[in-house]
Every structure is written in C-alpha cells, then in structure tokens.
Amino acid sequence: REQLSDEEYYVLRQKGTEYPGSGKYDKFYPKAGHFVCGGCGAPLYSAAAKFDSGCGWPAFDRITDTSLGMRRVEILCGSCGGHLGHVFEGETRFTRTNERHCVNSASVR
C-alpha cells in the first residue's frame, strides 16, 4: 500500500478500473521493451504487442468475471496477483485475433 499511488492501489489491489482514455499508456507506444506489472515489476507484455483498439485503455492468468452480468476474463499478474484488466472475446471489430486484452494504465509501467 505504501509503494502504490491511490489509483494504482484501487486498480491492482481492489480490482478497480480507470476511466476510459484517462490512462497514461492509452496513446503511448514504446518502440521496444516490455510493459511490467505496476505492483511487482514482473514482465507482462512486449511493447510490440500493444495496439490502439479505440476503447480508451491500452490494449496477461485468467479468471472468469461475471460480476456485471456479462462474461469477462480477468487478467491477473502471475507473480503478485494484481488486477490488470480484462480479456474480451469476440472482438473482431477491434483486432484480427478476436481477443482484446484491455489493460488499465495504472496497473502497468
């Protein structure tokens, strides 16, 4: 708790979600490297895997989340268990893989 900002704690430890388009990595595209967990520093995604889905979040183990009356797959850090975001399937309008990993900027660095 002492090492995270209020927003990072809310997202990573309380399974919160930042407002769409508000995250620092929504439009940021590094040329090389990896995004790492904001809670523990574990590597998560290659910078080359990031794409603009237009959803307002930057586009890692899975748990099915039905808390909002829909089926979402939760993305958790494999090292510290921090909440990163959700996987949405059936997303051919956003990505050719039909699967979009919608990640909170507050949960990664």
C-alpha atoms as a PDB file:
ATOM      1  CA  ARG A   1       0.000   0.000   0.000  1.00  0.00           C
ATOM      2  CA  GLU A   2       2.869   2.339   0.850  1.00  0.00           C
ATOM      3  CA  GLN A   3       4.512   1.867  -2.560  1.00  0.00           C
ATOM      4  CA  LEU A   4       1.453   2.460  -4.777  1.00  0.00           C
ATOM      5  CA  SER A   5      -0.473   5.623  -5.617  1.00  0.00           C
ATOM      6  CA  ASP A   6      -4.143   5.685  -4.614  1.00  0.00           C
ATOM      7  CA  GLU A   7      -5.188   4.890  -8.205  1.00  0.00           C
ATOM      8  CA  GLU A   8      -2.651   2.060  -8.570  1.00  0.00           C
ATOM      9  CA  TYR A   9      -3.845   0.538  -5.296  1.00  0.00           C
ATOM     10  CA  TYR A  10      -7.500   0.852  -6.354  1.00  0.00           C
ATOM     11  CA  VAL A  11      -6.857  -0.918  -9.676  1.00  0.00           C
ATOM     12  CA  LEU A  12      -4.225  -3.506  -8.684  1.00  0.00           C
ATOM     13  CA  ARG A  13      -5.438  -4.500  -5.219  1.00  0.00           C
ATOM     14  CA  GLN A  14      -9.148  -3.594  -5.199  1.00  0.00           C
ATOM     15  CA  LYS A  15      -9.881  -4.661  -8.816  1.00  0.00           C
ATOM     16  CA  GLY A  16     -10.903  -1.180  -9.896  1.00  0.00           C
ATOM     17  CA  THR A  17     -10.973   0.297 -13.401  1.00  0.00           C
ATOM     18  CA  GLU A  18      -9.684   3.679 -14.523  1.00  0.00           C
ATOM     19  CA  TYR A  19     -11.858   5.911 -16.699  1.00  0.00           C
ATOM     20  CA  PRO A  20     -11.542   5.216 -20.452  1.00  0.00           C
ATOM     21  CA  GLY A  21      -8.982   7.446 -22.161  1.00  0.00           C
ATOM     22  CA  SER A  22      -7.537   8.681 -18.842  1.00  0.00           C
ATOM     23  CA  GLY A  23      -4.545   6.338 -18.579  1.00  0.00           C
ATOM     24  CA  LYS A  24      -1.012   7.411 -19.431  1.00  0.00           C
ATOM     25  CA  TYR A  25      -0.465   4.393 -21.715  1.00  0.00           C
ATOM     26  CA  ASP A  26      -3.650   4.673 -23.799  1.00  0.00           C
ATOM     27  CA  LYS A  27      -1.830   6.521 -26.624  1.00  0.00           C
ATOM     28  CA  PHE A  28       1.810   5.775 -25.648  1.00  0.00           C
ATOM     29  CA  TYR A  29       3.646   3.382 -27.985  1.00  0.00           C
ATOM     30  CA  PRO A  30       7.190   2.459 -26.957  1.00  0.00           C
ATOM     31  CA  LYS A  31       9.349   1.105 -29.768  1.00  0.00           C
ATOM     32  CA  ALA A  32      10.980  -1.627 -27.676  1.00  0.00           C
ATOM     33  CA  GLY A  33      10.869  -3.256 -24.265  1.00  0.00           C
ATOM     34  CA  HIS A  34       8.083  -4.630 -22.117  1.00  0.00           C
ATOM     35  CA  PHE A  35       5.213  -3.421 -20.022  1.00  0.00           C
ATOM     36  CA  VAL A  36       5.655  -4.677 -16.454  1.00  0.00           C
ATOM     37  CA  CYS A  37       3.295  -5.089 -13.524  1.00  0.00           C
ATOM     38  CA  GLY A  38       2.921  -1.858 -11.558  1.00  0.00           C
ATOM     39  CA  GLY A  39       2.638  -3.878  -8.352  1.00  0.00           C
ATOM     40  CA  CYS A  40       5.742  -6.071  -8.545  1.00  0.00           C
ATOM     41  CA  GLY A  41       7.675  -5.317 -11.761  1.00  0.00           C
ATOM     42  CA  ALA A  42       7.098  -8.724 -13.390  1.00  0.00           C
ATOM     43  CA  PRO A  43       7.264  -8.530 -17.212  1.00  0.00           C
ATOM     44  CA  LEU A  44       3.824  -8.789 -18.823  1.00  0.00           C
ATOM     45  CA  TYR A  45       3.559  -7.688 -22.462  1.00  0.00           C
ATOM     46  CA  SER A  46       6.006  -6.905 -25.216  1.00  0.00           C
ATOM     47  CA  ALA A  47       5.772  -3.281 -26.375  1.00  0.00           C
ATOM     48  CA  ALA A  48       5.323  -4.682 -29.893  1.00  0.00           C
ATOM     49  CA  ALA A  49       2.048  -6.376 -28.820  1.00  0.00           C
ATOM     50  CA  LYS A  50       0.319  -3.071 -27.970  1.00  0.00           C
ATOM     51  CA  PHE A  51      -2.292  -1.745 -30.395  1.00  0.00           C
ATOM     52  CA  ASP A  52      -4.883   1.020 -30.486  1.00  0.00           C
ATOM     53  CA  SER A  53      -8.263  -0.650 -30.046  1.00  0.00           C
ATOM     54  CA  GLY A  54     -10.047   2.651 -29.652  1.00  0.00           C
ATOM     55  CA  CYS A  55     -11.595   1.521 -26.362  1.00  0.00           C
ATOM     56  CA  GLY A  56      -9.773   4.049 -24.160  1.00  0.00           C
ATOM     57  CA  TRP A  57      -7.419   1.620 -22.411  1.00  0.00           C
ATOM     58  CA  PRO A  58      -4.060   0.322 -23.526  1.00  0.00           C
ATOM     59  CA  ALA A  59      -4.558  -2.826 -25.402  1.00  0.00           C
ATOM     60  CA  PHE A  60      -1.621 -11.216 -19.203  1.00  0.00           C
ATOM     61  CA  ASP A  61      -3.625 -15.655 -15.923  1.00  0.00           C
ATOM     62  CA  ARG A  62      -7.352 -15.720 -16.417  1.00  0.00           C
ATOM     63  CA  ILE A  63     -10.366 -15.830 -14.104  1.00  0.00           C
ATOM     64  CA  THR A  64     -13.924 -15.538 -15.442  1.00  0.00           C
ATOM     65  CA  ASP A  65     -15.662 -12.464 -14.006  1.00  0.00           C
ATOM     66  CA  THR A  66     -19.467 -12.321 -14.174  1.00  0.00           C
ATOM     67  CA  SER A  67     -19.922  -9.516 -11.622  1.00  0.00           C
ATOM     68  CA  LEU A  68     -21.514  -7.074 -14.103  1.00  0.00           C
ATOM     69  CA  GLY A  69     -23.887  -9.579 -15.676  1.00  0.00           C
ATOM     70  CA  MET A  70     -21.520 -10.337 -18.556  1.00  0.00           C
ATOM     71  CA  ARG A  71     -18.727 -12.841 -19.046  1.00  0.00           C
ATOM     72  CA  ARG A  72     -15.305 -11.231 -18.797  1.00  0.00           C
ATOM     73  CA  VAL A  73     -11.976 -12.909 -18.232  1.00  0.00           C
ATOM     74  CA  GLU A  74      -9.917 -11.142 -15.590  1.00  0.00           C
ATOM     75  CA  ILE A  75      -6.207 -10.582 -16.269  1.00  0.00           C
ATOM     76  CA  LEU A  76      -4.041 -11.087 -13.185  1.00  0.00           C
ATOM     77  CA  CYS A  77      -0.303 -10.716 -12.712  1.00  0.00           C
ATOM     78  CA  GLY A  78       1.136 -14.223 -12.448  1.00  0.00           C
ATOM     79  CA  SER A  79       3.633 -13.014  -9.855  1.00  0.00           C
ATOM     80  CA  CYS A  80       1.713 -10.857  -7.342  1.00  0.00           C
ATOM     81  CA  GLY A  81      -1.909 -11.499  -8.377  1.00  0.00           C
ATOM     82  CA  GLY A  82      -2.550  -7.820  -9.107  1.00  0.00           C
ATOM     83  CA  HIS A  83      -5.633  -6.988 -11.199  1.00  0.00           C
ATOM     84  CA  LEU A  84      -4.564  -5.732 -14.632  1.00  0.00           C
ATOM     85  CA  GLY A  85      -7.822  -5.622 -16.583  1.00  0.00           C
ATOM     86  CA  HIS A  86      -9.996  -7.982 -18.628  1.00  0.00           C
ATOM     87  CA  VAL A  87      -9.883 -10.057 -21.807  1.00  0.00           C
ATOM     88  CA  PHE A  88     -12.819  -9.592 -24.155  1.00  0.00           C
ATOM     89  CA  GLU A  89     -13.540 -12.284 -26.733  1.00  0.00           C
ATOM     90  CA  GLY A  90     -15.486 -11.851 -29.962  1.00  0.00           C
ATOM     91  CA  GLU A  91     -13.651  -8.635 -30.723  1.00  0.00           C
ATOM     92  CA  THR A  92     -13.081  -8.884 -34.465  1.00  0.00           C
ATOM     93  CA  ARG A  93     -14.061  -5.247 -34.897  1.00  0.00           C
ATOM     94  CA  PHE A  94     -11.019  -4.271 -32.802  1.00  0.00           C
ATOM     95  CA  THR A  95      -8.452  -6.982 -33.567  1.00  0.00           C
ATOM     96  CA  ARG A  96      -7.959  -9.830 -36.024  1.00  0.00           C
ATOM     97  CA  THR A  97      -7.174 -12.228 -33.151  1.00  0.00           C
ATOM     98  CA  ASN A  98     -10.778 -11.912 -31.897  1.00  0.00           C
ATOM     99  CA  GLU A  99      -9.430 -11.326 -28.367  1.00  0.00           C
ATOM    100  CA  ARG A 100      -8.654  -7.936 -26.809  1.00  0.00           C
ATOM    101  CA  HIS A 101      -6.661  -7.586 -23.589  1.00  0.00           C
ATOM    102  CA  CYS A 102      -7.997  -4.352 -22.086  1.00  0.00           C
ATOM    103  CA  VAL A 103      -5.405  -3.286 -19.509  1.00  0.00           C
ATOM    104  CA  ASN A 104      -5.512  -0.394 -17.032  1.00  0.00           C
ATOM    105  CA  SER A 105      -2.584   2.028 -17.393  1.00  0.00           C
ATOM    106  CA  ALA A 106      -2.487   2.280 -13.587  1.00  0.00           C
ATOM    107  CA  SER A 107      -1.606  -1.422 -13.364  1.00  0.00           C
ATOM    108  CA  VAL A 108       1.469  -1.336 -15.624  1.00  0.00           C
ATOM    109  CA  ARG A 109       4.724   0.563 -16.189  1.00  0.00           C
END
